[in-house]
Every structure is written in C-alpha cells, then in structure tokens.
C-alpha cells in the first residue's frame, strides 16, 4: 500500500520538476526587450541606424527625413498605387524587439555604403514548437544601404528596400 503512494508521490514530484525545468528554459530562451535609441552622429552609419529606429518607433516624418528625394518619390508612388505605408502598424504589435548592428561602412567616390544586420525578436509562441521552445524566436537579415551627401547631409538613396524594417 505504501509502495503505491510513494510511486504516486514520486510521479507528482517528477511532473512538478519537469514543469519547473520547462518554465526555466522558456524564460531563458525569451528574447530580452531591446529598446532602440537614436544616435547623435551624422555619419552614414548613424543615419542608417536612426532611420531604422524612426521607422520602428513609428515616427514617419523623422524616418522620411533620412531619405533622398528619389526614394521619397518612389515611396509616394507605392503609397498611391498599392496603399503602401513606410510605417507598418503590424510590425509594432508582434515585434517585441529589434537589434541593429552596423557590420561595415565605407565612403568611396562620394557614395557611402553601410552594411547592416537587423535582428527581429518575437515574444509570441510559435505553432511549430512547444511555446517556441525549439525556435529561436528571432530572425536576422542583412542589408547594404547606399547613401549620398546632399547639402552636407547623408541621405539614403536607391536602391532602397522599404520592407527591410518590417
């Protein structure tokens, strides 16, 4: 009789221990919230970083201030033709964080190239894994942005992928 109770108690304790271990792993694997901040500089790497921050924070006016007239015209065409918006409200709902890493930047013949890696972190569970346990809950994409100096200010020029910050 005591043997059955001991086994039952051991099963309950083992289940509790398993739940605690799973909870610890889930908390450990959850991405830390990353709050992007604007940079003070005006070099090409700072312009790219600040553009991405402005889009992520939903500040469309500031984001557009980092774009050349050619890019702004392209975005205006997309807004009219495809109901495109530079600021995507769905990004801010599902995205719990973003990290911007400038990989490399250089200036040659009046053009600047900034290689940047954008990592998006998601806190929502994935249906493909047990609450995201087997997923990284993040993805990274690399971009190379070109900039040109207009009246002393570096601005992002074509080719430009407006979907990069989504």
N, C-alpha and C. Protein backbone atom coordinates (compact mmCIF):
# COMPACT_ATOMS: atom_id res chain seq x y z
N UNK A 1 0.81 -1.19 0.00
CA UNK A 1 0.00 0.00 0.00
C UNK A 1 0.86 1.26 0.00
N UNK A 2 1.89 1.33 0.87
CA UNK A 2 2.76 2.50 0.87
C UNK A 2 3.57 2.59 -0.40
N UNK A 3 3.84 1.45 -1.00
CA UNK A 3 4.60 1.44 -2.24
C UNK A 3 3.85 2.19 -3.34
N UNK A 4 2.53 2.02 -3.43
CA UNK A 4 1.71 2.70 -4.42
C UNK A 4 1.65 4.20 -4.18
N UNK A 5 1.57 4.60 -2.94
CA UNK A 5 1.52 6.02 -2.60
C UNK A 5 2.87 6.67 -2.91
N UNK A 6 3.96 5.97 -2.60
CA UNK A 6 5.28 6.52 -2.90
C UNK A 6 5.48 6.71 -4.40
N UNK A 7 5.01 5.77 -5.16
CA UNK A 7 5.11 5.90 -6.61
C UNK A 7 4.27 7.06 -7.12
N UNK A 8 3.07 7.19 -6.58
CA UNK A 8 2.19 8.29 -6.96
C UNK A 8 2.83 9.63 -6.59
N UNK A 9 3.38 9.73 -5.38
CA UNK A 9 4.03 10.96 -4.94
C UNK A 9 5.26 11.26 -5.80
N UNK A 10 6.03 10.22 -6.12
CA UNK A 10 7.22 10.40 -6.96
C UNK A 10 6.83 10.90 -8.35
N UNK A 11 5.73 10.39 -8.88
CA UNK A 11 5.25 10.83 -10.20
C UNK A 11 4.84 12.30 -10.16
N UNK A 12 4.14 12.69 -9.11
CA UNK A 12 3.73 14.09 -8.97
C UNK A 12 4.95 14.99 -8.84
N UNK A 13 5.91 14.62 -8.03
CA UNK A 13 7.13 15.42 -7.86
C UNK A 13 7.93 15.51 -9.15
N UNK A 14 7.99 14.41 -9.90
CA UNK A 14 8.71 14.41 -11.17
C UNK A 14 8.02 15.34 -12.17
N UNK A 15 6.68 15.33 -12.18
CA UNK A 15 5.93 16.21 -13.08
C UNK A 15 6.16 17.67 -12.71
N UNK A 16 6.16 17.97 -11.42
CA UNK A 16 6.42 19.34 -10.97
C UNK A 16 7.84 19.77 -11.36
N UNK A 17 8.80 18.89 -11.17
CA UNK A 17 10.18 19.21 -11.53
C UNK A 17 10.30 19.46 -13.03
N UNK A 18 9.61 18.67 -13.84
CA UNK A 18 9.63 18.85 -15.29
C UNK A 18 9.02 20.20 -15.67
N UNK A 19 7.92 20.56 -15.05
CA UNK A 19 7.28 21.85 -15.32
C UNK A 19 8.21 23.00 -14.95
N UNK A 20 8.90 22.89 -13.83
CA UNK A 20 9.84 23.93 -13.41
C UNK A 20 10.98 24.05 -14.41
N UNK A 21 11.53 22.94 -14.87
CA UNK A 21 12.63 22.96 -15.84
C UNK A 21 12.16 23.59 -17.15
N UNK A 22 10.99 23.22 -17.63
CA UNK A 22 10.45 23.79 -18.87
C UNK A 22 10.24 25.29 -18.70
N UNK A 23 9.71 25.72 -17.57
CA UNK A 23 9.50 27.15 -17.33
C UNK A 23 10.82 27.91 -17.32
N UNK A 24 11.84 27.35 -16.71
CA UNK A 24 13.15 27.99 -16.68
C UNK A 24 13.72 28.12 -18.09
N UNK A 25 13.60 27.06 -18.88
CA UNK A 25 14.10 27.08 -20.25
C UNK A 25 13.34 28.12 -21.08
N UNK A 26 12.02 28.19 -20.91
CA UNK A 26 11.23 29.17 -21.67
C UNK A 26 11.63 30.60 -21.31
N UNK A 27 11.83 30.86 -20.04
CA UNK A 27 12.25 32.20 -19.62
C UNK A 27 13.64 32.50 -20.13
N UNK A 28 14.52 31.53 -20.08
CA UNK A 28 15.90 31.72 -20.53
C UNK A 28 15.95 31.99 -22.02
N UNK A 29 15.08 31.33 -22.80
CA UNK A 29 15.10 31.47 -24.26
C UNK A 29 14.33 32.69 -24.73
N UNK A 30 13.56 33.33 -23.88
CA UNK A 30 12.81 34.52 -24.29
C UNK A 30 13.78 35.65 -24.58
N UNK A 31 13.59 36.35 -25.69
CA UNK A 31 14.50 37.45 -26.01
C UNK A 31 14.30 38.61 -25.04
N UNK A 32 15.37 39.25 -24.72
CA UNK A 32 15.29 40.45 -23.89
C UNK A 32 14.72 41.58 -24.74
N UNK A 33 13.92 42.39 -24.15
CA UNK A 33 13.38 43.53 -24.87
C UNK A 33 14.51 44.48 -25.23
N UNK A 34 14.57 44.83 -26.48
CA UNK A 34 15.64 45.70 -26.96
C UNK A 34 15.02 47.03 -27.34
N UNK A 35 15.39 48.07 -26.65
CA UNK A 35 14.87 49.40 -26.95
C UNK A 35 15.91 50.14 -27.78
N UNK A 36 15.55 50.47 -29.00
CA UNK A 36 16.46 51.19 -29.87
C UNK A 36 16.44 52.67 -29.52
N UNK A 37 17.59 53.28 -29.55
CA UNK A 37 17.73 54.70 -29.26
C UNK A 37 18.41 55.38 -30.44
N UNK A 38 18.08 56.65 -30.64
CA UNK A 38 18.70 57.42 -31.70
C UNK A 38 20.16 57.71 -31.35
N UNK A 39 20.97 57.86 -32.40
CA UNK A 39 22.37 58.24 -32.22
C UNK A 39 22.53 59.72 -32.54
N UNK A 40 23.55 60.34 -31.95
CA UNK A 40 23.78 61.76 -32.12
C UNK A 40 24.53 62.09 -33.42
N UNK A 41 25.35 61.18 -33.92
CA UNK A 41 26.22 61.47 -35.06
C UNK A 41 25.46 61.70 -36.35
N UNK A 42 26.20 62.17 -37.37
CA UNK A 42 25.62 62.43 -38.68
C UNK A 42 26.35 61.68 -39.78
N UNK A 43 27.18 60.69 -39.40
CA UNK A 43 27.88 59.91 -40.41
C UNK A 43 26.90 58.90 -41.02
N UNK A 44 27.26 58.27 -42.13
CA UNK A 44 26.33 57.36 -42.81
C UNK A 44 25.80 56.22 -41.92
N UNK A 45 26.64 55.64 -41.08
CA UNK A 45 26.18 54.56 -40.20
C UNK A 45 25.13 55.07 -39.22
N UNK A 46 25.32 56.28 -38.70
CA UNK A 46 24.33 56.86 -37.77
C UNK A 46 23.03 57.17 -38.48
N UNK A 47 23.10 57.64 -39.72
CA UNK A 47 21.89 57.94 -40.49
C UNK A 47 21.07 56.67 -40.70
N UNK A 48 21.72 55.58 -41.10
CA UNK A 48 21.02 54.31 -41.31
C UNK A 48 20.40 53.83 -40.00
N UNK A 49 21.18 53.87 -38.93
CA UNK A 49 20.67 53.44 -37.62
C UNK A 49 19.46 54.28 -37.22
N UNK A 50 19.55 55.60 -37.34
CA UNK A 50 18.46 56.47 -36.94
C UNK A 50 17.22 56.29 -37.81
N UNK A 51 17.43 56.00 -39.09
CA UNK A 51 16.29 55.73 -39.98
C UNK A 51 15.53 54.50 -39.49
N UNK A 52 16.26 53.44 -39.19
CA UNK A 52 15.62 52.20 -38.75
C UNK A 52 14.91 52.41 -37.41
N UNK A 53 15.53 53.16 -36.52
CA UNK A 53 14.90 53.46 -35.22
C UNK A 53 13.62 54.26 -35.43
N UNK A 54 13.65 55.27 -36.30
CA UNK A 54 12.48 56.10 -36.55
C UNK A 54 11.32 55.27 -37.09
N UNK A 55 11.60 54.37 -38.02
CA UNK A 55 10.54 53.51 -38.57
C UNK A 55 10.00 52.60 -37.48
N UNK A 56 10.89 52.01 -36.69
CA UNK A 56 10.46 51.10 -35.63
C UNK A 56 9.63 51.81 -34.57
N UNK A 57 9.93 53.07 -34.30
CA UNK A 57 9.18 53.82 -33.29
C UNK A 57 7.91 54.45 -33.86
N UNK A 58 7.70 54.31 -35.18
CA UNK A 58 6.50 54.85 -35.80
C UNK A 58 6.58 56.33 -36.13
N UNK A 59 7.78 56.88 -36.18
CA UNK A 59 7.96 58.30 -36.47
C UNK A 59 8.23 58.46 -37.96
N UNK A 60 7.15 58.49 -38.74
CA UNK A 60 7.28 58.52 -40.21
C UNK A 60 7.97 59.79 -40.70
N UNK A 61 7.66 60.92 -40.09
CA UNK A 61 8.26 62.19 -40.52
C UNK A 61 9.78 62.15 -40.35
N UNK A 62 10.23 61.67 -39.21
CA UNK A 62 11.68 61.60 -38.98
C UNK A 62 12.32 60.56 -39.90
N UNK A 63 11.65 59.43 -40.09
CA UNK A 63 12.19 58.40 -40.98
C UNK A 63 12.38 58.94 -42.38
N UNK A 64 11.40 59.69 -42.88
CA UNK A 64 11.49 60.23 -44.23
C UNK A 64 12.57 61.31 -44.35
N UNK A 65 12.95 61.91 -43.23
CA UNK A 65 14.00 62.94 -43.29
C UNK A 65 15.37 62.35 -43.61
N UNK A 66 15.52 61.04 -43.51
CA UNK A 66 16.79 60.37 -43.81
C UNK A 66 16.83 59.83 -45.24
N UNK A 67 15.78 60.09 -46.02
CA UNK A 67 15.67 59.54 -47.37
C UNK A 67 15.85 60.63 -48.41
N UNK A 68 16.48 60.25 -49.53
CA UNK A 68 16.67 61.20 -50.63
C UNK A 68 15.33 61.47 -51.32
N UNK A 69 15.30 62.52 -52.12
CA UNK A 69 14.08 62.89 -52.84
C UNK A 69 13.64 61.75 -53.76
N UNK A 70 14.60 61.08 -54.39
CA UNK A 70 14.28 59.96 -55.28
C UNK A 70 13.55 58.84 -54.53
N UNK A 71 14.03 58.51 -53.35
CA UNK A 71 13.39 57.45 -52.55
C UNK A 71 12.01 57.91 -52.08
N UNK A 72 11.90 59.16 -51.67
CA UNK A 72 10.61 59.68 -51.23
C UNK A 72 9.57 59.63 -52.35
N UNK A 73 9.99 59.94 -53.57
CA UNK A 73 9.08 59.86 -54.72
C UNK A 73 8.66 58.42 -54.97
N UNK A 74 9.60 57.49 -54.84
CA UNK A 74 9.30 56.07 -55.01
C UNK A 74 8.28 55.61 -53.96
N UNK A 75 8.47 56.03 -52.72
CA UNK A 75 7.54 55.66 -51.65
C UNK A 75 6.17 56.28 -51.90
N UNK A 76 6.14 57.53 -52.36
CA UNK A 76 4.86 58.19 -52.65
C UNK A 76 4.10 57.44 -53.74
N UNK A 77 4.81 56.96 -54.77
CA UNK A 77 4.17 56.16 -55.81
C UNK A 77 3.58 54.89 -55.24
N UNK A 78 4.32 54.23 -54.36
CA UNK A 78 3.82 52.99 -53.74
C UNK A 78 2.62 53.27 -52.85
N UNK A 79 2.66 54.40 -52.13
CA UNK A 79 1.53 54.75 -51.27
C UNK A 79 0.27 54.97 -52.09
N UNK A 80 0.41 55.64 -53.23
CA UNK A 80 -0.75 55.91 -54.08
C UNK A 80 -1.24 54.65 -54.79
N UNK A 81 -0.32 53.89 -55.33
CA UNK A 81 -0.67 52.75 -56.16
C UNK A 81 -1.06 51.50 -55.38
N UNK A 82 -0.32 51.22 -54.29
CA UNK A 82 -0.51 49.95 -53.58
C UNK A 82 -0.96 50.12 -52.13
N UNK A 83 -1.34 51.33 -51.73
CA UNK A 83 -1.69 51.61 -50.35
C UNK A 83 -0.57 51.19 -49.40
N UNK A 84 0.64 51.43 -49.84
CA UNK A 84 1.84 51.12 -49.07
C UNK A 84 2.05 52.20 -48.02
N UNK A 85 2.60 51.80 -46.86
CA UNK A 85 2.97 52.77 -45.84
C UNK A 85 4.35 52.40 -45.32
N UNK A 86 5.20 53.40 -45.18
CA UNK A 86 6.55 53.17 -44.66
C UNK A 86 6.48 52.62 -43.24
N UNK A 87 5.51 53.08 -42.47
CA UNK A 87 5.33 52.62 -41.11
C UNK A 87 4.25 51.55 -41.12
N UNK A 88 4.61 50.34 -40.75
CA UNK A 88 3.69 49.21 -40.74
C UNK A 88 3.21 48.98 -39.30
N UNK A 89 1.94 49.24 -38.99
CA UNK A 89 1.48 49.09 -37.61
C UNK A 89 1.54 47.65 -37.10
N UNK A 90 1.45 46.67 -38.00
CA UNK A 90 1.52 45.27 -37.55
C UNK A 90 2.88 44.90 -37.00
N UNK A 91 3.94 45.55 -37.50
CA UNK A 91 5.28 45.25 -37.02
C UNK A 91 5.40 45.52 -35.54
N UNK A 92 4.83 46.61 -35.09
CA UNK A 92 4.96 47.00 -33.69
C UNK A 92 4.12 46.11 -32.78
N UNK A 93 3.09 45.44 -33.31
CA UNK A 93 2.25 44.57 -32.49
C UNK A 93 2.97 43.26 -32.19
N UNK A 94 3.55 42.63 -33.20
CA UNK A 94 4.16 41.31 -33.00
C UNK A 94 5.63 41.39 -32.64
N UNK A 95 6.27 42.49 -32.93
CA UNK A 95 7.70 42.61 -32.73
C UNK A 95 7.99 43.11 -31.33
N UNK A 96 8.69 42.32 -30.53
CA UNK A 96 8.97 42.75 -29.16
C UNK A 96 10.34 43.38 -29.05
N UNK A 97 11.10 43.34 -30.11
CA UNK A 97 12.41 43.94 -30.05
C UNK A 97 13.13 43.85 -31.37
N UNK A 98 14.12 44.70 -31.49
CA UNK A 98 14.90 44.73 -32.71
C UNK A 98 16.30 45.17 -32.34
N UNK A 99 17.28 44.54 -32.96
CA UNK A 99 18.67 44.96 -32.76
C UNK A 99 19.22 45.36 -34.12
N UNK A 100 19.90 46.49 -34.18
CA UNK A 100 20.53 46.97 -35.40
C UNK A 100 22.02 46.94 -35.19
N UNK A 101 22.72 46.20 -36.04
CA UNK A 101 24.17 46.09 -35.94
C UNK A 101 24.78 46.55 -37.25
N UNK A 102 25.58 47.61 -37.18
CA UNK A 102 26.29 48.06 -38.37
C UNK A 102 27.50 47.16 -38.54
N UNK A 103 27.50 46.38 -39.61
CA UNK A 103 28.57 45.43 -39.86
C UNK A 103 29.81 46.13 -40.42
N UNK A 104 29.57 47.04 -41.36
CA UNK A 104 30.68 47.70 -42.03
C UNK A 104 30.14 48.95 -42.73
N UNK A 105 30.97 49.96 -42.81
CA UNK A 105 30.57 51.14 -43.58
C UNK A 105 31.81 51.74 -44.22
N UNK A 106 31.62 52.35 -45.37
CA UNK A 106 32.73 52.96 -46.08
C UNK A 106 32.24 54.02 -47.05
N UNK A 107 33.14 54.95 -47.36
CA UNK A 107 32.82 56.03 -48.28
C UNK A 107 33.81 55.97 -49.43
N UNK A 108 33.27 55.98 -50.67
CA UNK A 108 34.11 55.94 -51.85
C UNK A 108 33.44 56.71 -52.97
N UNK A 109 34.15 57.64 -53.56
CA UNK A 109 33.66 58.44 -54.68
C UNK A 109 32.34 59.16 -54.35
N UNK A 110 32.22 59.71 -53.15
CA UNK A 110 31.04 60.46 -52.78
C UNK A 110 29.83 59.63 -52.40
N UNK A 111 29.96 58.31 -52.47
CA UNK A 111 28.88 57.42 -52.06
C UNK A 111 29.31 56.64 -50.82
N UNK A 112 28.39 56.47 -49.91
CA UNK A 112 28.66 55.67 -48.72
C UNK A 112 27.85 54.38 -48.80
N UNK A 113 28.44 53.30 -48.34
CA UNK A 113 27.74 52.03 -48.25
C UNK A 113 27.78 51.59 -46.80
N UNK A 114 26.62 51.24 -46.27
CA UNK A 114 26.53 50.78 -44.89
C UNK A 114 25.91 49.39 -44.91
N UNK A 115 26.66 48.41 -44.44
CA UNK A 115 26.15 47.05 -44.29
C UNK A 115 25.59 46.92 -42.88
N UNK A 116 24.33 46.54 -42.80
CA UNK A 116 23.66 46.49 -41.50
C UNK A 116 22.95 45.15 -41.36
N UNK A 117 22.95 44.63 -40.13
CA UNK A 117 22.19 43.42 -39.82
C UNK A 117 21.06 43.82 -38.90
N UNK A 118 19.83 43.48 -39.29
CA UNK A 118 18.66 43.77 -38.48
C UNK A 118 18.14 42.46 -37.93
N UNK A 119 18.08 42.37 -36.61
CA UNK A 119 17.59 41.17 -35.95
C UNK A 119 16.27 41.52 -35.28
N UNK A 120 15.21 40.79 -35.63
CA UNK A 120 13.89 40.96 -35.04
C UNK A 120 13.69 39.87 -34.00
N UNK A 121 13.21 40.25 -32.82
CA UNK A 121 12.89 39.30 -31.76
C UNK A 121 11.38 39.24 -31.60
N UNK A 122 10.86 38.03 -31.43
CA UNK A 122 9.42 37.85 -31.25
C UNK A 122 9.17 37.15 -29.93
N UNK A 123 8.17 37.63 -29.21
CA UNK A 123 7.85 37.01 -27.93
C UNK A 123 6.65 36.09 -28.02
N UNK A 124 5.93 36.12 -29.13
CA UNK A 124 4.75 35.27 -29.25
C UNK A 124 5.16 33.84 -29.53
N UNK A 125 4.44 32.88 -28.93
CA UNK A 125 4.77 31.47 -29.16
C UNK A 125 4.55 31.08 -30.61
N UNK A 126 5.33 30.14 -31.05
CA UNK A 126 5.22 29.66 -32.42
C UNK A 126 4.43 28.36 -32.44
N UNK A 127 3.56 28.17 -33.43
CA UNK A 127 2.81 26.92 -33.51
C UNK A 127 3.69 25.72 -33.89
N UNK A 128 4.91 25.97 -34.36
CA UNK A 128 5.77 24.86 -34.77
C UNK A 128 6.58 24.28 -33.62
N UNK A 129 6.51 24.88 -32.46
CA UNK A 129 7.26 24.37 -31.32
C UNK A 129 6.48 24.57 -30.05
N UNK A 130 6.82 23.86 -29.03
CA UNK A 130 6.15 23.96 -27.75
C UNK A 130 6.46 25.32 -27.15
N UNK A 131 5.54 26.29 -27.37
CA UNK A 131 5.70 27.66 -26.89
C UNK A 131 7.03 28.27 -27.36
N UNK A 132 7.47 27.90 -28.53
CA UNK A 132 8.71 28.46 -29.04
C UNK A 132 9.96 27.80 -28.48
N UNK A 133 9.81 26.71 -27.76
CA UNK A 133 10.94 26.06 -27.11
C UNK A 133 12.00 25.64 -28.10
N UNK A 134 11.58 25.20 -29.29
CA UNK A 134 12.53 24.72 -30.28
C UNK A 134 12.79 25.73 -31.38
N UNK A 135 12.32 26.94 -31.20
CA UNK A 135 12.56 28.01 -32.16
C UNK A 135 13.43 29.07 -31.52
N UNK A 136 14.11 29.85 -32.34
CA UNK A 136 14.98 30.89 -31.80
C UNK A 136 14.21 32.17 -31.46
N UNK A 137 12.95 32.30 -31.94
CA UNK A 137 12.14 33.49 -31.72
C UNK A 137 12.84 34.75 -32.22
N UNK A 138 13.64 34.60 -33.25
CA UNK A 138 14.30 35.74 -33.85
C UNK A 138 14.70 35.39 -35.28
N UNK A 139 14.89 36.42 -36.07
CA UNK A 139 15.47 36.22 -37.38
C UNK A 139 16.29 37.45 -37.73
N UNK A 140 17.32 37.25 -38.51
CA UNK A 140 18.22 38.34 -38.90
C UNK A 140 18.27 38.44 -40.41
N UNK A 141 18.40 39.67 -40.87
CA UNK A 141 18.52 39.95 -42.29
C UNK A 141 19.61 40.99 -42.47
N UNK A 142 20.43 40.80 -43.50
CA UNK A 142 21.50 41.74 -43.80
C UNK A 142 21.11 42.61 -44.99
N UNK A 143 21.45 43.89 -44.90
CA UNK A 143 21.17 44.84 -45.96
C UNK A 143 22.40 45.69 -46.21
N UNK A 144 22.54 46.13 -47.45
CA UNK A 144 23.59 47.09 -47.80
C UNK A 144 22.87 48.32 -48.31
N UNK A 145 22.96 49.40 -47.57
CA UNK A 145 22.30 50.65 -47.96
C UNK A 145 23.32 51.61 -48.52
N UNK A 146 22.91 52.33 -49.56
CA UNK A 146 23.80 53.34 -50.16
C UNK A 146 23.29 54.71 -49.79
N UNK A 147 24.23 55.60 -49.53
CA UNK A 147 23.90 56.97 -49.16
C UNK A 147 24.73 57.93 -50.00
N UNK A 148 24.18 59.13 -50.19
CA UNK A 148 24.89 60.19 -50.89
C UNK A 148 24.70 61.45 -50.06
N UNK A 149 25.69 62.34 -50.14
CA UNK A 149 25.62 63.58 -49.40
C UNK A 149 24.91 64.64 -50.22
N UNK A 150 23.86 65.22 -49.64
CA UNK A 150 23.11 66.31 -50.25
C UNK A 150 23.15 67.49 -49.28
N UNK A 151 23.74 68.59 -49.72
CA UNK A 151 23.84 69.80 -48.88
C UNK A 151 24.43 69.48 -47.51
N UNK A 152 25.42 68.63 -47.48
CA UNK A 152 26.13 68.31 -46.24
C UNK A 152 25.50 67.21 -45.40
N UNK A 153 24.34 66.72 -45.78
CA UNK A 153 23.67 65.66 -45.01
C UNK A 153 23.65 64.37 -45.81
N UNK A 154 23.95 63.26 -45.13
CA UNK A 154 23.90 61.96 -45.78
C UNK A 154 22.46 61.49 -45.84
N UNK A 155 22.00 61.06 -47.05
CA UNK A 155 20.65 60.56 -47.23
C UNK A 155 20.69 59.22 -47.94
N UNK A 156 19.76 58.36 -47.60
CA UNK A 156 19.67 57.03 -48.21
C UNK A 156 19.13 57.19 -49.62
N UNK A 157 19.80 56.52 -50.58
CA UNK A 157 19.41 56.63 -51.99
C UNK A 157 19.00 55.26 -52.52
N UNK A 158 18.57 55.24 -53.78
CA UNK A 158 18.23 53.98 -54.45
C UNK A 158 19.49 53.16 -54.66
N UNK A 159 19.44 51.85 -54.72
CA UNK A 159 18.26 51.03 -54.48
C UNK A 159 17.94 50.97 -53.00
N UNK A 160 16.67 50.95 -52.71
CA UNK A 160 16.21 51.01 -51.32
C UNK A 160 15.08 50.01 -51.14
N UNK A 161 15.15 49.22 -50.10
CA UNK A 161 14.12 48.23 -49.80
C UNK A 161 13.31 48.71 -48.60
N UNK A 162 12.13 49.26 -48.82
CA UNK A 162 11.36 49.79 -47.70
C UNK A 162 10.82 48.70 -46.76
N UNK A 163 10.90 47.45 -47.18
CA UNK A 163 10.40 46.37 -46.35
C UNK A 163 11.44 45.86 -45.35
N UNK A 164 12.63 46.43 -45.35
CA UNK A 164 13.70 45.89 -44.53
C UNK A 164 13.45 46.01 -43.04
N UNK A 165 12.68 46.99 -42.62
CA UNK A 165 12.47 47.19 -41.19
C UNK A 165 11.18 46.56 -40.70
N UNK A 166 10.55 45.74 -41.50
CA UNK A 166 9.29 45.11 -41.11
C UNK A 166 9.51 43.77 -40.49
